[in-house]
Structure formats: C-alpha cells, structure tokens
C-alpha cells in the first residue's frame, strides 16, 4: 500500500498481528482477483513514507500505523459473541461479502 496491488501482485504493509475478522494468508483480494497476492512486510517508516508520497493525509497515516501497532499487540484479536447473539446466526464472512459485491452486475456498468 498504496501501490496498485492488482498490477504488482504485492501487498506491502507493516507487521501486524492476529485480527478476529481476517488473517494474513486469507486475503479476500486474492479470491476476488483470482490470483495470488504476496503479503510483504515493510517497516512502519517505509509504509508511512509511501503513504505520504501518495497523498494520504499525515493524520490518517499516523492512525493507520498505530492500528498496525495495535494489531501486533493483539488488540484486534478479540472475538465477541454479541453480534452472533443479536443476529441469531453467525455473521457473514468478509470473503462472501466481497465475492458477492465484486460479482454483482452493478460493477459491470
């Protein structure tokens, strides 16, 4: 990020950690594009520099970098049953949502 992932086939992000709604090896982008996407680990400084060079506002870049730090610290690795209890069923997986979205006729217009 923020290079064109579809062209390069690479997703360069700082080191993260477990997140309850996704894992590094289960990139929905790869499924949607029908090709492998290589997850590369970059330093926070490189990520910050590239994001700023591509016009991301500094406060947003700072927030994103801090999110990667929080992921590494395990702060996103929390599974809470509240939503499942409210719905009365398991929530829809992100992969299914993205697949349905990217295969919809609305995107072909």
C-alpha atoms as a PDB file:
ATOM      1  CA  UNK A   1       0.000   0.000   0.000  1.00  0.00           C
ATOM      2  CA  UNK A   2      -0.572   2.402  -1.596  1.00  0.00           C
ATOM      3  CA  UNK A   3       0.822   0.835  -4.816  1.00  0.00           C
ATOM      4  CA  UNK A   4      -1.526  -0.838  -7.301  1.00  0.00           C
ATOM      5  CA  UNK A   5      -1.918  -4.328  -5.841  1.00  0.00           C
ATOM      6  CA  UNK A   6      -3.637  -5.688  -8.952  1.00  0.00           C
ATOM      7  CA  UNK A   7      -0.650  -4.691 -11.108  1.00  0.00           C
ATOM      8  CA  UNK A   8       2.203  -5.602  -8.767  1.00  0.00           C
ATOM      9  CA  UNK A   9       0.642  -8.611  -7.063  1.00  0.00           C
ATOM     10  CA  UNK A  10       2.193  -7.380  -3.818  1.00  0.00           C
ATOM     11  CA  UNK A  11       0.611  -6.002  -0.673  1.00  0.00           C
ATOM     12  CA  UNK A  12       3.332  -4.294   1.380  1.00  0.00           C
ATOM     13  CA  UNK A  13       2.221  -3.444   4.905  1.00  0.00           C
ATOM     14  CA  UNK A  14       3.883  -3.176   8.312  1.00  0.00           C
ATOM     15  CA  UNK A  15       3.976  -6.252  10.530  1.00  0.00           C
ATOM     16  CA  UNK A  16       0.597  -6.870  12.068  1.00  0.00           C
ATOM     17  CA  UNK A  17      -0.865  -9.494  14.341  1.00  0.00           C
ATOM     18  CA  UNK A  18      -3.935 -11.686  14.741  1.00  0.00           C
ATOM     19  CA  UNK A  19      -7.219  -9.998  13.886  1.00  0.00           C
ATOM     20  CA  UNK A  20     -10.539 -11.683  14.563  1.00  0.00           C
ATOM     21  CA  UNK A  21     -12.042 -10.949  11.125  1.00  0.00           C
ATOM     22  CA  UNK A  22      -9.147 -11.841   8.837  1.00  0.00           C
ATOM     23  CA  UNK A  23      -5.751 -13.478   8.633  1.00  0.00           C
ATOM     24  CA  UNK A  24      -2.746 -12.575   6.524  1.00  0.00           C
ATOM     25  CA  UNK A  25      -2.961 -15.729   4.387  1.00  0.00           C
ATOM     26  CA  UNK A  26      -6.666 -15.324   3.678  1.00  0.00           C
ATOM     27  CA  UNK A  27      -6.677 -12.166   1.605  1.00  0.00           C
ATOM     28  CA  UNK A  28     -10.087 -11.577   0.099  1.00  0.00           C
ATOM     29  CA  UNK A  29      -8.386  -9.558  -2.626  1.00  0.00           C
ATOM     30  CA  UNK A  30      -6.710 -12.707  -3.953  1.00  0.00           C
ATOM     31  CA  UNK A  31     -10.022 -14.529  -4.135  1.00  0.00           C
ATOM     32  CA  UNK A  32     -11.726 -11.645  -5.879  1.00  0.00           C
ATOM     33  CA  UNK A  33      -8.917 -11.158  -8.408  1.00  0.00           C
ATOM     34  CA  UNK A  34      -8.469 -14.882  -8.869  1.00  0.00           C
ATOM     35  CA  UNK A  35      -4.727 -14.650  -8.382  1.00  0.00           C
ATOM     36  CA  UNK A  36      -2.173 -14.880  -5.639  1.00  0.00           C
ATOM     37  CA  UNK A  37      -1.277 -11.737  -3.753  1.00  0.00           C
ATOM     38  CA  UNK A  38       2.039 -11.779  -1.904  1.00  0.00           C
ATOM     39  CA  UNK A  39       1.955 -10.211   1.547  1.00  0.00           C
ATOM     40  CA  UNK A  40       5.240  -8.387   2.090  1.00  0.00           C
ATOM     41  CA  UNK A  41       6.285  -6.988   5.435  1.00  0.00           C
ATOM     42  CA  UNK A  42       7.555  -3.424   5.264  1.00  0.00           C
ATOM     43  CA  UNK A  43       8.784  -1.236   8.062  1.00  0.00           C
ATOM     44  CA  UNK A  44       6.472   1.335   9.559  1.00  0.00           C
ATOM     45  CA  UNK A  45       8.772   4.066   8.267  1.00  0.00           C
ATOM     46  CA  UNK A  46       8.617   2.771   4.680  1.00  0.00           C
ATOM     47  CA  UNK A  47       4.853   2.379   4.897  1.00  0.00           C
ATOM     48  CA  UNK A  48       4.489   5.888   6.313  1.00  0.00           C
ATOM     49  CA  UNK A  49       6.756   7.408   3.631  1.00  0.00           C
ATOM     50  CA  UNK A  50       4.972   5.681   0.713  1.00  0.00           C
ATOM     51  CA  UNK A  51       1.533   6.606   2.034  1.00  0.00           C
ATOM     52  CA  UNK A  52       2.546  10.263   2.405  1.00  0.00           C
ATOM     53  CA  UNK A  53       4.132  10.244  -1.069  1.00  0.00           C
ATOM     54  CA  UNK A  54       0.836   9.005  -2.489  1.00  0.00           C
ATOM     55  CA  UNK A  55      -1.087  11.868  -0.889  1.00  0.00           C
ATOM     56  CA  UNK A  56      -2.521  10.285   2.231  1.00  0.00           C
ATOM     57  CA  UNK A  57      -3.028  12.952   4.935  1.00  0.00           C
ATOM     58  CA  UNK A  58      -0.455  12.714   7.747  1.00  0.00           C
ATOM     59  CA  UNK A  59      -3.094  12.238  10.499  1.00  0.00           C
ATOM     60  CA  UNK A  60      -4.621   9.301   8.588  1.00  0.00           C
ATOM     61  CA  UNK A  61      -1.196   7.737   8.034  1.00  0.00           C
ATOM     62  CA  UNK A  62      -0.451   8.080  11.749  1.00  0.00           C
ATOM     63  CA  UNK A  63      -3.754   6.396  12.595  1.00  0.00           C
ATOM     64  CA  UNK A  64      -3.068   3.508  10.192  1.00  0.00           C
ATOM     65  CA  UNK A  65       0.438   2.975  11.585  1.00  0.00           C
ATOM     66  CA  UNK A  66      -0.963   2.939  15.117  1.00  0.00           C
ATOM     67  CA  UNK A  67      -3.555   0.360  14.011  1.00  0.00           C
ATOM     68  CA  UNK A  68      -0.760  -1.946  12.831  1.00  0.00           C
ATOM     69  CA  UNK A  69       0.952  -1.474  16.199  1.00  0.00           C
ATOM     70  CA  UNK A  70      -2.298  -2.372  17.970  1.00  0.00           C
ATOM     71  CA  UNK A  71      -2.695  -5.490  15.788  1.00  0.00           C
ATOM     72  CA  UNK A  72       0.838  -6.591  16.660  1.00  0.00           C
ATOM     73  CA  UNK A  73      -0.024  -6.121  20.330  1.00  0.00           C
ATOM     74  CA  UNK A  74      -3.070  -8.405  19.932  1.00  0.00           C
ATOM     75  CA  UNK A  75      -5.667  -5.692  20.462  1.00  0.00           C
ATOM     76  CA  UNK A  76      -7.676  -6.789  17.382  1.00  0.00           C
ATOM     77  CA  UNK A  77      -7.624 -10.479  18.273  1.00  0.00           C
ATOM     78  CA  UNK A  78     -10.859 -10.396  20.206  1.00  0.00           C
ATOM     79  CA  UNK A  79     -13.858 -12.459  19.207  1.00  0.00           C
ATOM     80  CA  UNK A  80     -17.052 -11.274  20.833  1.00  0.00           C
ATOM     81  CA  UNK A  81     -20.288 -13.271  20.533  1.00  0.00           C
ATOM     82  CA  UNK A  82     -22.534 -10.193  20.816  1.00  0.00           C
ATOM     83  CA  UNK A  83     -23.278  -9.794  17.093  1.00  0.00           C
ATOM     84  CA  UNK A  84     -23.960 -13.508  16.627  1.00  0.00           C
ATOM     85  CA  UNK A  85     -26.312 -13.378  19.605  1.00  0.00           C
ATOM     86  CA  UNK A  86     -28.178 -10.376  18.217  1.00  0.00           C
ATOM     87  CA  UNK A  87     -28.479 -11.906  14.741  1.00  0.00           C
ATOM     88  CA  UNK A  88     -29.321 -15.389  15.938  1.00  0.00           C
ATOM     89  CA  UNK A  89     -26.753 -16.724  13.443  1.00  0.00           C
ATOM     90  CA  UNK A  90     -23.068 -16.374  12.597  1.00  0.00           C
ATOM     91  CA  UNK A  91     -22.153 -13.124  10.837  1.00  0.00           C
ATOM     92  CA  UNK A  92     -21.420 -13.353   7.107  1.00  0.00           C
ATOM     93  CA  UNK A  93     -17.712 -13.810   6.383  1.00  0.00           C
ATOM     94  CA  UNK A  94     -15.884 -10.946   4.700  1.00  0.00           C
ATOM     95  CA  UNK A  95     -14.847 -13.199   1.795  1.00  0.00           C
ATOM     96  CA  UNK A  96     -18.523 -13.908   0.979  1.00  0.00           C
ATOM     97  CA  UNK A  97     -19.445 -10.227   1.157  1.00  0.00           C
ATOM     98  CA  UNK A  98     -16.585  -9.190  -1.135  1.00  0.00           C
ATOM     99  CA  UNK A  99     -17.214 -12.005  -3.603  1.00  0.00           C
ATOM    100  CA  UNK A 100     -20.886 -11.057  -3.875  1.00  0.00           C
ATOM    101  CA  UNK A 101     -20.018  -7.369  -4.232  1.00  0.00           C
ATOM    102  CA  UNK A 102     -17.385  -7.861  -6.911  1.00  0.00           C
ATOM    103  CA  UNK A 103     -19.518 -10.297  -8.895  1.00  0.00           C
ATOM    104  CA  UNK A 104     -22.596  -8.039  -8.909  1.00  0.00           C
ATOM    105  CA  UNK A 105     -23.924  -6.571 -12.145  1.00  0.00           C
ATOM    106  CA  UNK A 106     -23.670  -3.080 -10.657  1.00  0.00           C
ATOM    107  CA  UNK A 107     -19.898  -3.180 -11.088  1.00  0.00           C
ATOM    108  CA  UNK A 108     -20.134  -4.029 -14.789  1.00  0.00           C
ATOM    109  CA  UNK A 109     -21.914  -0.791 -15.736  1.00  0.00           C
END
